[in-house]
N, C-alpha and C. Protein backbone atom coordinates (compact mmCIF):
# COMPACT_ATOMS: atom_id res chain seq x y z
N MET A 1 0.84 -1.18 0.00
CA MET A 1 0.00 0.00 0.00
C MET A 1 0.89 1.25 0.00
N PRO A 2 0.74 2.15 -0.98
CA PRO A 2 1.54 3.37 -1.00
C PRO A 2 1.07 4.35 0.08
N ASP A 3 2.02 5.11 0.58
CA ASP A 3 1.69 6.12 1.59
C ASP A 3 0.91 7.26 0.92
N VAL A 4 -0.05 7.81 1.66
CA VAL A 4 -0.91 8.88 1.14
C VAL A 4 -0.81 10.08 2.09
N TRP A 5 -0.62 11.27 1.52
CA TRP A 5 -0.60 12.50 2.30
C TRP A 5 -1.98 13.14 2.30
N ILE A 6 -2.41 13.60 3.47
CA ILE A 6 -3.65 14.35 3.62
C ILE A 6 -3.27 15.74 4.14
N GLY A 7 -3.69 16.77 3.43
CA GLY A 7 -3.40 18.14 3.85
C GLY A 7 -4.05 19.11 2.88
N PHE A 8 -3.86 20.38 3.14
CA PHE A 8 -4.42 21.40 2.27
C PHE A 8 -3.61 21.53 0.99
N ASN A 9 -4.30 21.83 -0.11
CA ASN A 9 -3.59 22.15 -1.35
C ASN A 9 -3.14 23.62 -1.27
N ALA A 10 -2.38 24.06 -2.26
CA ALA A 10 -1.80 25.41 -2.23
C ALA A 10 -2.87 26.50 -2.20
N ASP A 11 -3.96 26.32 -2.93
CA ASP A 11 -5.02 27.35 -2.95
C ASP A 11 -5.69 27.48 -1.59
N ASP A 12 -5.99 26.34 -0.95
CA ASP A 12 -6.61 26.39 0.38
C ASP A 12 -5.67 26.99 1.41
N ARG A 13 -4.38 26.62 1.34
CA ARG A 13 -3.40 27.21 2.27
C ARG A 13 -3.36 28.72 2.13
N ARG A 14 -3.34 29.21 0.90
CA ARG A 14 -3.29 30.65 0.66
C ARG A 14 -4.56 31.33 1.19
N ARG A 15 -5.71 30.71 0.95
CA ARG A 15 -6.98 31.29 1.41
C ARG A 15 -7.02 31.36 2.94
N TYR A 16 -6.64 30.28 3.62
CA TYR A 16 -6.67 30.29 5.09
C TYR A 16 -5.56 31.18 5.66
N TRP A 17 -4.45 31.30 4.94
CA TRP A 17 -3.37 32.18 5.40
C TRP A 17 -3.87 33.63 5.42
N TRP A 18 -4.59 34.05 4.38
CA TRP A 18 -5.11 35.41 4.36
C TRP A 18 -6.12 35.63 5.47
N ARG A 19 -6.97 34.66 5.74
CA ARG A 19 -7.91 34.80 6.85
C ARG A 19 -7.16 34.95 8.17
N ASN A 20 -6.09 34.20 8.34
CA ASN A 20 -5.29 34.28 9.56
C ASN A 20 -4.66 35.66 9.70
N VAL A 21 -4.10 36.18 8.62
CA VAL A 21 -3.46 37.49 8.68
C VAL A 21 -4.49 38.57 9.01
N ILE A 22 -5.64 38.55 8.37
CA ILE A 22 -6.67 39.56 8.62
C ILE A 22 -7.18 39.48 10.06
N GLY A 23 -7.43 38.27 10.54
CA GLY A 23 -7.87 38.11 11.93
C GLY A 23 -6.83 38.56 12.93
N THR A 24 -5.57 38.24 12.68
CA THR A 24 -4.50 38.66 13.58
C THR A 24 -4.36 40.18 13.58
N LEU A 25 -4.42 40.79 12.41
CA LEU A 25 -4.34 42.25 12.34
C LEU A 25 -5.51 42.92 13.06
N ALA A 26 -6.68 42.32 13.00
CA ALA A 26 -7.84 42.88 13.72
C ALA A 26 -7.59 42.85 15.22
N ILE A 27 -7.07 41.75 15.73
CA ILE A 27 -6.80 41.66 17.17
C ILE A 27 -5.69 42.63 17.56
N VAL A 28 -4.66 42.74 16.74
CA VAL A 28 -3.58 43.70 17.02
C VAL A 28 -4.13 45.12 17.02
N GLY A 29 -5.07 45.42 16.11
CA GLY A 29 -5.69 46.74 16.09
C GLY A 29 -6.43 47.05 17.39
N VAL A 30 -7.13 46.06 17.93
CA VAL A 30 -7.82 46.24 19.21
C VAL A 30 -6.82 46.50 20.33
N VAL A 31 -5.72 45.77 20.33
CA VAL A 31 -4.70 45.95 21.37
C VAL A 31 -4.09 47.35 21.27
N VAL A 32 -3.77 47.80 20.06
CA VAL A 32 -3.19 49.13 19.89
C VAL A 32 -4.18 50.20 20.32
N ALA A 33 -5.45 50.05 19.95
CA ALA A 33 -6.47 51.02 20.36
C ALA A 33 -6.59 51.06 21.88
N MET A 34 -6.48 49.89 22.52
CA MET A 34 -6.57 49.84 23.97
C MET A 34 -5.36 50.53 24.61
N ILE A 35 -4.19 50.36 24.02
CA ILE A 35 -2.99 51.01 24.56
C ILE A 35 -3.13 52.53 24.47
N LEU A 36 -3.64 53.00 23.35
CA LEU A 36 -3.72 54.44 23.13
C LEU A 36 -4.84 55.12 23.90
N THR A 37 -5.90 54.41 24.24
CA THR A 37 -7.05 55.05 24.88
C THR A 37 -7.15 54.80 26.38
N THR A 38 -6.51 53.77 26.88
CA THR A 38 -6.63 53.44 28.30
C THR A 38 -5.51 54.12 29.08
N ARG A 39 -5.89 54.74 30.18
CA ARG A 39 -4.91 55.46 30.98
C ARG A 39 -4.67 54.81 32.35
N GLU A 40 -5.32 53.74 32.64
CA GLU A 40 -5.16 53.14 33.97
C GLU A 40 -3.83 52.39 34.06
N PRO A 41 -3.25 52.30 35.27
CA PRO A 41 -1.92 51.70 35.41
C PRO A 41 -1.89 50.19 35.17
N GLY A 42 -3.00 49.51 35.30
CA GLY A 42 -3.01 48.06 35.12
C GLY A 42 -3.24 47.62 33.69
N LYS A 43 -3.18 48.56 32.75
CA LYS A 43 -3.48 48.20 31.36
C LYS A 43 -2.45 47.26 30.77
N TRP A 44 -1.25 47.26 31.28
CA TRP A 44 -0.20 46.42 30.68
C TRP A 44 -0.47 44.94 30.90
N TRP A 45 -1.21 44.60 31.97
CA TRP A 45 -1.61 43.21 32.15
C TRP A 45 -2.56 42.79 31.03
N TRP A 46 -3.49 43.69 30.70
CA TRP A 46 -4.43 43.40 29.62
C TRP A 46 -3.72 43.33 28.28
N VAL A 47 -2.81 44.24 28.05
CA VAL A 47 -2.06 44.25 26.79
C VAL A 47 -1.24 42.97 26.66
N GLY A 48 -0.60 42.58 27.74
CA GLY A 48 0.18 41.33 27.73
C GLY A 48 -0.70 40.12 27.48
N GLY A 49 -1.87 40.10 28.10
CA GLY A 49 -2.81 39.00 27.89
C GLY A 49 -3.28 38.92 26.45
N PHE A 50 -3.63 40.07 25.88
CA PHE A 50 -4.04 40.07 24.47
C PHE A 50 -2.87 39.71 23.56
N GLY A 51 -1.66 40.14 23.91
CA GLY A 51 -0.48 39.78 23.12
C GLY A 51 -0.26 38.28 23.09
N VAL A 52 -0.41 37.64 24.25
CA VAL A 52 -0.28 36.18 24.31
C VAL A 52 -1.40 35.52 23.50
N LEU A 53 -2.61 36.06 23.59
CA LEU A 53 -3.73 35.54 22.82
C LEU A 53 -3.44 35.62 21.32
N VAL A 54 -2.90 36.74 20.86
CA VAL A 54 -2.58 36.90 19.44
C VAL A 54 -1.58 35.85 19.00
N VAL A 55 -0.54 35.63 19.80
CA VAL A 55 0.48 34.65 19.44
C VAL A 55 -0.11 33.24 19.41
N VAL A 56 -0.92 32.89 20.40
CA VAL A 56 -1.52 31.55 20.46
C VAL A 56 -2.45 31.31 19.27
N VAL A 57 -3.29 32.29 18.94
CA VAL A 57 -4.20 32.15 17.82
C VAL A 57 -3.43 32.04 16.51
N PHE A 58 -2.40 32.85 16.35
CA PHE A 58 -1.61 32.84 15.12
C PHE A 58 -0.91 31.49 14.94
N VAL A 59 -0.23 31.00 15.98
CA VAL A 59 0.47 29.72 15.90
C VAL A 59 -0.51 28.57 15.69
N SER A 60 -1.65 28.62 16.35
CA SER A 60 -2.66 27.58 16.17
C SER A 60 -3.15 27.52 14.74
N THR A 61 -3.38 28.67 14.14
CA THR A 61 -3.86 28.69 12.76
C THR A 61 -2.78 28.25 11.79
N VAL A 62 -1.54 28.67 12.02
CA VAL A 62 -0.44 28.20 11.16
C VAL A 62 -0.31 26.68 11.29
N ASN A 63 -0.47 26.16 12.50
CA ASN A 63 -0.45 24.72 12.71
C ASN A 63 -1.55 24.03 11.92
N LEU A 64 -2.74 24.62 11.91
CA LEU A 64 -3.86 24.07 11.14
C LEU A 64 -3.59 24.12 9.64
N ILE A 65 -3.02 25.22 9.16
CA ILE A 65 -2.80 25.41 7.73
C ILE A 65 -1.73 24.46 7.20
N TYR A 66 -0.63 24.34 7.89
CA TYR A 66 0.50 23.57 7.38
C TYR A 66 0.59 22.15 7.91
N GLY A 67 -0.31 21.78 8.82
CA GLY A 67 -0.31 20.41 9.33
C GLY A 67 -0.76 19.42 8.27
N ARG A 68 -0.16 18.23 8.30
CA ARG A 68 -0.53 17.18 7.35
C ARG A 68 -0.53 15.85 8.09
N VAL A 69 -1.15 14.86 7.44
CA VAL A 69 -1.17 13.50 7.99
C VAL A 69 -0.69 12.56 6.90
N LEU A 70 0.21 11.67 7.27
CA LEU A 70 0.69 10.64 6.36
C LEU A 70 0.00 9.34 6.72
N LEU A 71 -0.72 8.76 5.76
CA LEU A 71 -1.39 7.49 5.97
C LEU A 71 -0.45 6.38 5.52
N THR A 72 -0.06 5.51 6.44
CA THR A 72 0.85 4.42 6.14
C THR A 72 0.15 3.10 6.44
N ALA A 73 0.84 2.01 6.18
CA ALA A 73 0.28 0.69 6.47
C ALA A 73 0.15 0.45 7.97
N THR A 74 0.94 1.18 8.78
CA THR A 74 0.91 0.98 10.23
C THR A 74 -0.01 1.94 10.96
N GLY A 75 -0.30 3.11 10.37
CA GLY A 75 -1.16 4.06 11.06
C GLY A 75 -1.13 5.44 10.46
N LEU A 76 -1.57 6.40 11.25
CA LEU A 76 -1.60 7.80 10.84
C LEU A 76 -0.45 8.53 11.50
N GLU A 77 0.33 9.24 10.71
CA GLU A 77 1.44 10.04 11.24
C GLU A 77 1.06 11.51 11.12
N PHE A 78 0.73 12.12 12.25
CA PHE A 78 0.39 13.54 12.27
C PHE A 78 1.68 14.33 12.24
N ARG A 79 1.82 15.23 11.29
CA ARG A 79 2.99 16.11 11.19
C ARG A 79 2.49 17.54 11.16
N THR A 80 2.64 18.21 12.29
CA THR A 80 2.15 19.57 12.41
C THR A 80 3.31 20.52 12.70
N PHE A 81 3.00 21.79 12.75
CA PHE A 81 3.96 22.84 13.01
C PHE A 81 4.59 22.69 14.39
N VAL A 82 3.83 22.20 15.35
CA VAL A 82 4.31 22.12 16.73
C VAL A 82 4.70 20.72 17.18
N GLY A 83 4.52 19.70 16.36
CA GLY A 83 4.92 18.37 16.80
C GLY A 83 4.54 17.27 15.83
N ARG A 84 4.91 16.06 16.22
CA ARG A 84 4.60 14.87 15.44
C ARG A 84 3.97 13.84 16.36
N ARG A 85 3.10 13.02 15.79
CA ARG A 85 2.40 12.00 16.57
C ARG A 85 2.00 10.86 15.65
N VAL A 86 2.13 9.64 16.15
CA VAL A 86 1.73 8.46 15.38
C VAL A 86 0.59 7.76 16.11
N ILE A 87 -0.46 7.45 15.36
CA ILE A 87 -1.58 6.70 15.92
C ILE A 87 -1.71 5.42 15.11
N PRO A 88 -1.44 4.26 15.73
CA PRO A 88 -1.59 2.99 15.00
C PRO A 88 -3.05 2.74 14.62
N TRP A 89 -3.24 2.03 13.51
CA TRP A 89 -4.60 1.73 13.05
C TRP A 89 -5.38 0.93 14.09
N SER A 90 -4.67 0.15 14.92
CA SER A 90 -5.36 -0.64 15.95
C SER A 90 -6.03 0.23 17.00
N GLU A 91 -5.60 1.48 17.15
CA GLU A 91 -6.21 2.40 18.11
C GLU A 91 -7.35 3.21 17.52
N VAL A 92 -7.61 3.07 16.22
CA VAL A 92 -8.64 3.85 15.56
C VAL A 92 -9.98 3.12 15.64
N ALA A 93 -10.98 3.79 16.20
CA ALA A 93 -12.33 3.21 16.29
C ALA A 93 -13.21 3.71 15.15
N GLY A 94 -12.84 4.81 14.53
CA GLY A 94 -13.64 5.34 13.42
C GLY A 94 -13.10 6.67 12.92
N ILE A 95 -13.61 7.05 11.76
CA ILE A 95 -13.32 8.36 11.17
C ILE A 95 -14.66 9.06 11.04
N GLU A 96 -14.80 10.21 11.67
CA GLU A 96 -16.08 10.90 11.63
C GLU A 96 -15.93 12.32 11.09
N ARG A 97 -17.00 12.78 10.48
CA ARG A 97 -17.07 14.16 10.01
C ARG A 97 -17.82 14.95 11.07
N ARG A 98 -17.25 16.07 11.48
CA ARG A 98 -17.87 16.91 12.49
C ARG A 98 -18.25 18.24 11.87
N GLN A 99 -19.44 18.71 12.18
CA GLN A 99 -19.89 20.02 11.73
C GLN A 99 -20.05 20.93 12.93
N ARG A 100 -19.57 22.16 12.76
CA ARG A 100 -19.73 23.18 13.81
C ARG A 100 -20.32 24.43 13.18
N VAL A 101 -21.30 25.00 13.85
CA VAL A 101 -21.92 26.23 13.37
C VAL A 101 -21.28 27.39 14.13
N ARG A 102 -20.74 28.31 13.36
CA ARG A 102 -20.12 29.50 13.91
C ARG A 102 -20.76 30.72 13.27
N ARG A 103 -20.41 31.89 13.74
CA ARG A 103 -20.92 33.11 13.13
C ARG A 103 -20.46 33.23 11.67
N SER A 104 -19.28 32.70 11.39
CA SER A 104 -18.73 32.81 10.04
C SER A 104 -19.27 31.74 9.10
N GLY A 105 -20.10 30.85 9.58
CA GLY A 105 -20.69 29.82 8.73
C GLY A 105 -20.62 28.45 9.36
N ILE A 106 -20.87 27.45 8.55
CA ILE A 106 -20.81 26.06 9.00
C ILE A 106 -19.46 25.49 8.58
N TRP A 107 -18.72 24.98 9.54
CA TRP A 107 -17.39 24.43 9.30
C TRP A 107 -17.42 22.92 9.51
N CYS A 108 -16.76 22.19 8.65
CA CYS A 108 -16.66 20.73 8.76
C CYS A 108 -15.19 20.35 8.87
N ASP A 109 -14.93 19.28 9.57
CA ASP A 109 -13.60 18.70 9.59
C ASP A 109 -13.72 17.20 9.86
N LEU A 110 -12.62 16.51 9.68
CA LEU A 110 -12.58 15.07 9.94
C LEU A 110 -11.85 14.84 11.25
N ARG A 111 -12.30 13.83 11.98
CA ARG A 111 -11.69 13.48 13.26
C ARG A 111 -11.43 11.99 13.32
N VAL A 112 -10.36 11.64 14.00
CA VAL A 112 -10.04 10.24 14.26
C VAL A 112 -10.60 9.92 15.64
N VAL A 113 -11.54 8.99 15.68
CA VAL A 113 -12.10 8.54 16.95
C VAL A 113 -11.24 7.37 17.41
N ARG A 114 -10.66 7.51 18.58
CA ARG A 114 -9.77 6.47 19.08
C ARG A 114 -10.48 5.53 20.04
N VAL A 115 -9.93 4.32 20.16
CA VAL A 115 -10.50 3.33 21.07
C VAL A 115 -10.43 3.86 22.50
N ARG A 116 -9.28 4.40 22.87
CA ARG A 116 -9.09 5.02 24.19
C ARG A 116 -8.58 6.43 23.97
N GLY A 117 -9.06 7.35 24.76
CA GLY A 117 -8.61 8.73 24.65
C GLY A 117 -9.57 9.57 23.82
N ARG A 118 -9.24 10.82 23.73
CA ARG A 118 -10.11 11.74 23.01
C ARG A 118 -9.89 11.65 21.52
N SER A 119 -10.88 12.07 20.77
CA SER A 119 -10.75 12.08 19.32
C SER A 119 -9.86 13.25 18.92
N LEU A 120 -9.21 13.09 17.77
CA LEU A 120 -8.26 14.10 17.30
C LEU A 120 -8.68 14.62 15.94
N GLY A 121 -8.59 15.93 15.77
CA GLY A 121 -8.86 16.53 14.47
C GLY A 121 -7.73 16.21 13.50
N ILE A 122 -8.08 15.95 12.27
CA ILE A 122 -7.08 15.63 11.25
C ILE A 122 -6.70 16.93 10.55
N PRO A 123 -5.43 17.32 10.63
CA PRO A 123 -5.00 18.56 9.98
C PRO A 123 -5.24 18.50 8.47
N GLY A 124 -5.57 19.64 7.90
CA GLY A 124 -5.77 19.71 6.46
C GLY A 124 -7.14 19.29 6.00
N THR A 125 -8.09 19.18 6.93
CA THR A 125 -9.44 18.75 6.54
C THR A 125 -10.53 19.75 6.90
N VAL A 126 -10.18 20.90 7.41
CA VAL A 126 -11.18 21.90 7.79
C VAL A 126 -11.68 22.61 6.53
N THR A 127 -12.99 22.78 6.44
CA THR A 127 -13.56 23.48 5.29
C THR A 127 -14.87 24.14 5.70
N ASN A 128 -15.22 25.20 4.99
CA ASN A 128 -16.53 25.82 5.21
C ASN A 128 -17.40 25.71 3.96
N ARG A 129 -16.98 24.88 3.03
CA ARG A 129 -17.79 24.62 1.83
C ARG A 129 -18.78 23.50 2.15
N MET A 130 -20.03 23.69 1.76
CA MET A 130 -21.06 22.71 2.08
C MET A 130 -20.82 21.37 1.39
N MET A 131 -20.61 21.36 0.11
CA MET A 131 -20.38 20.12 -0.64
C MET A 131 -18.94 20.16 -1.15
N ASP A 132 -18.01 19.73 -0.33
CA ASP A 132 -16.59 19.82 -0.67
C ASP A 132 -16.09 18.47 -1.17
N ALA A 133 -15.83 18.38 -2.46
CA ALA A 133 -15.35 17.12 -3.06
C ALA A 133 -13.98 16.75 -2.52
N GLU A 134 -13.15 17.74 -2.20
CA GLU A 134 -11.82 17.48 -1.67
C GLU A 134 -11.91 16.81 -0.29
N LEU A 135 -12.83 17.27 0.55
CA LEU A 135 -13.02 16.66 1.87
C LEU A 135 -13.54 15.23 1.71
N GLU A 136 -14.44 15.01 0.78
CA GLU A 136 -14.94 13.65 0.51
C GLU A 136 -13.79 12.73 0.08
N ARG A 137 -12.92 13.24 -0.79
CA ARG A 137 -11.79 12.45 -1.26
C ARG A 137 -10.86 12.09 -0.11
N LYS A 138 -10.60 13.04 0.77
CA LYS A 138 -9.73 12.80 1.93
C LYS A 138 -10.35 11.76 2.87
N GLN A 139 -11.65 11.89 3.14
CA GLN A 139 -12.32 10.94 4.02
C GLN A 139 -12.30 9.54 3.42
N THR A 140 -12.53 9.42 2.12
CA THR A 140 -12.51 8.12 1.46
C THR A 140 -11.12 7.50 1.53
N ALA A 141 -10.08 8.30 1.29
CA ALA A 141 -8.71 7.79 1.34
C ALA A 141 -8.36 7.28 2.73
N ILE A 142 -8.75 8.02 3.76
CA ILE A 142 -8.46 7.59 5.14
C ILE A 142 -9.20 6.30 5.47
N GLN A 143 -10.47 6.22 5.12
CA GLN A 143 -11.24 5.02 5.44
C GLN A 143 -10.75 3.81 4.67
N GLU A 144 -10.31 3.99 3.41
CA GLU A 144 -9.75 2.88 2.65
C GLU A 144 -8.46 2.36 3.27
N CYS A 145 -7.58 3.28 3.65
CA CYS A 145 -6.32 2.86 4.28
C CYS A 145 -6.59 2.16 5.61
N TRP A 146 -7.54 2.66 6.37
CA TRP A 146 -7.88 2.06 7.66
C TRP A 146 -8.46 0.67 7.45
N SER A 147 -9.38 0.50 6.50
CA SER A 147 -9.99 -0.81 6.29
C SER A 147 -8.96 -1.83 5.76
N ARG A 148 -8.04 -1.40 4.89
CA ARG A 148 -6.99 -2.31 4.42
C ARG A 148 -6.06 -2.73 5.57
N ALA A 149 -5.76 -1.78 6.45
CA ALA A 149 -4.82 -2.07 7.52
C ALA A 149 -5.40 -3.03 8.56
N VAL A 150 -6.70 -2.92 8.82
CA VAL A 150 -7.31 -3.81 9.83
C VAL A 150 -7.92 -5.04 9.21
N GLY A 151 -7.84 -5.16 7.89
CA GLY A 151 -8.31 -6.37 7.21
C GLY A 151 -9.80 -6.45 7.02
N GLY A 152 -10.46 -5.35 6.82
CA GLY A 152 -11.90 -5.46 6.64
C GLY A 152 -12.44 -4.25 6.09
């Protein structure tokens, strides 16, 4: 069985990168406005807190954009911006599609449901398109590799 990569294509990475930049700049704008308009002595705690929030949100989104999963005969190899993780196929109980409703629309992603432990989001599978053929292709590829690996 050949190894298969699951992740965003170049167009999706560029689209999500721009959303990340615009969102980060909006938060930075709020922090700058707060610095310029607030005169109380404890404002630096708030500025520091928002600064940490900006960094966490930015790194999290970069992790989402550039994270990928390698499907091998032995399992899923998560390769993200902040780390690597291997989940053997024997620990996988299922692959599910999750939908979340947000103010910005309906977002879907794929998750690995594990036999023990919490389920994990699969990097490179988040989308806000209702009928996304690319997400369907990714889900099919993961389920085929999983069924071949467990013999059924």
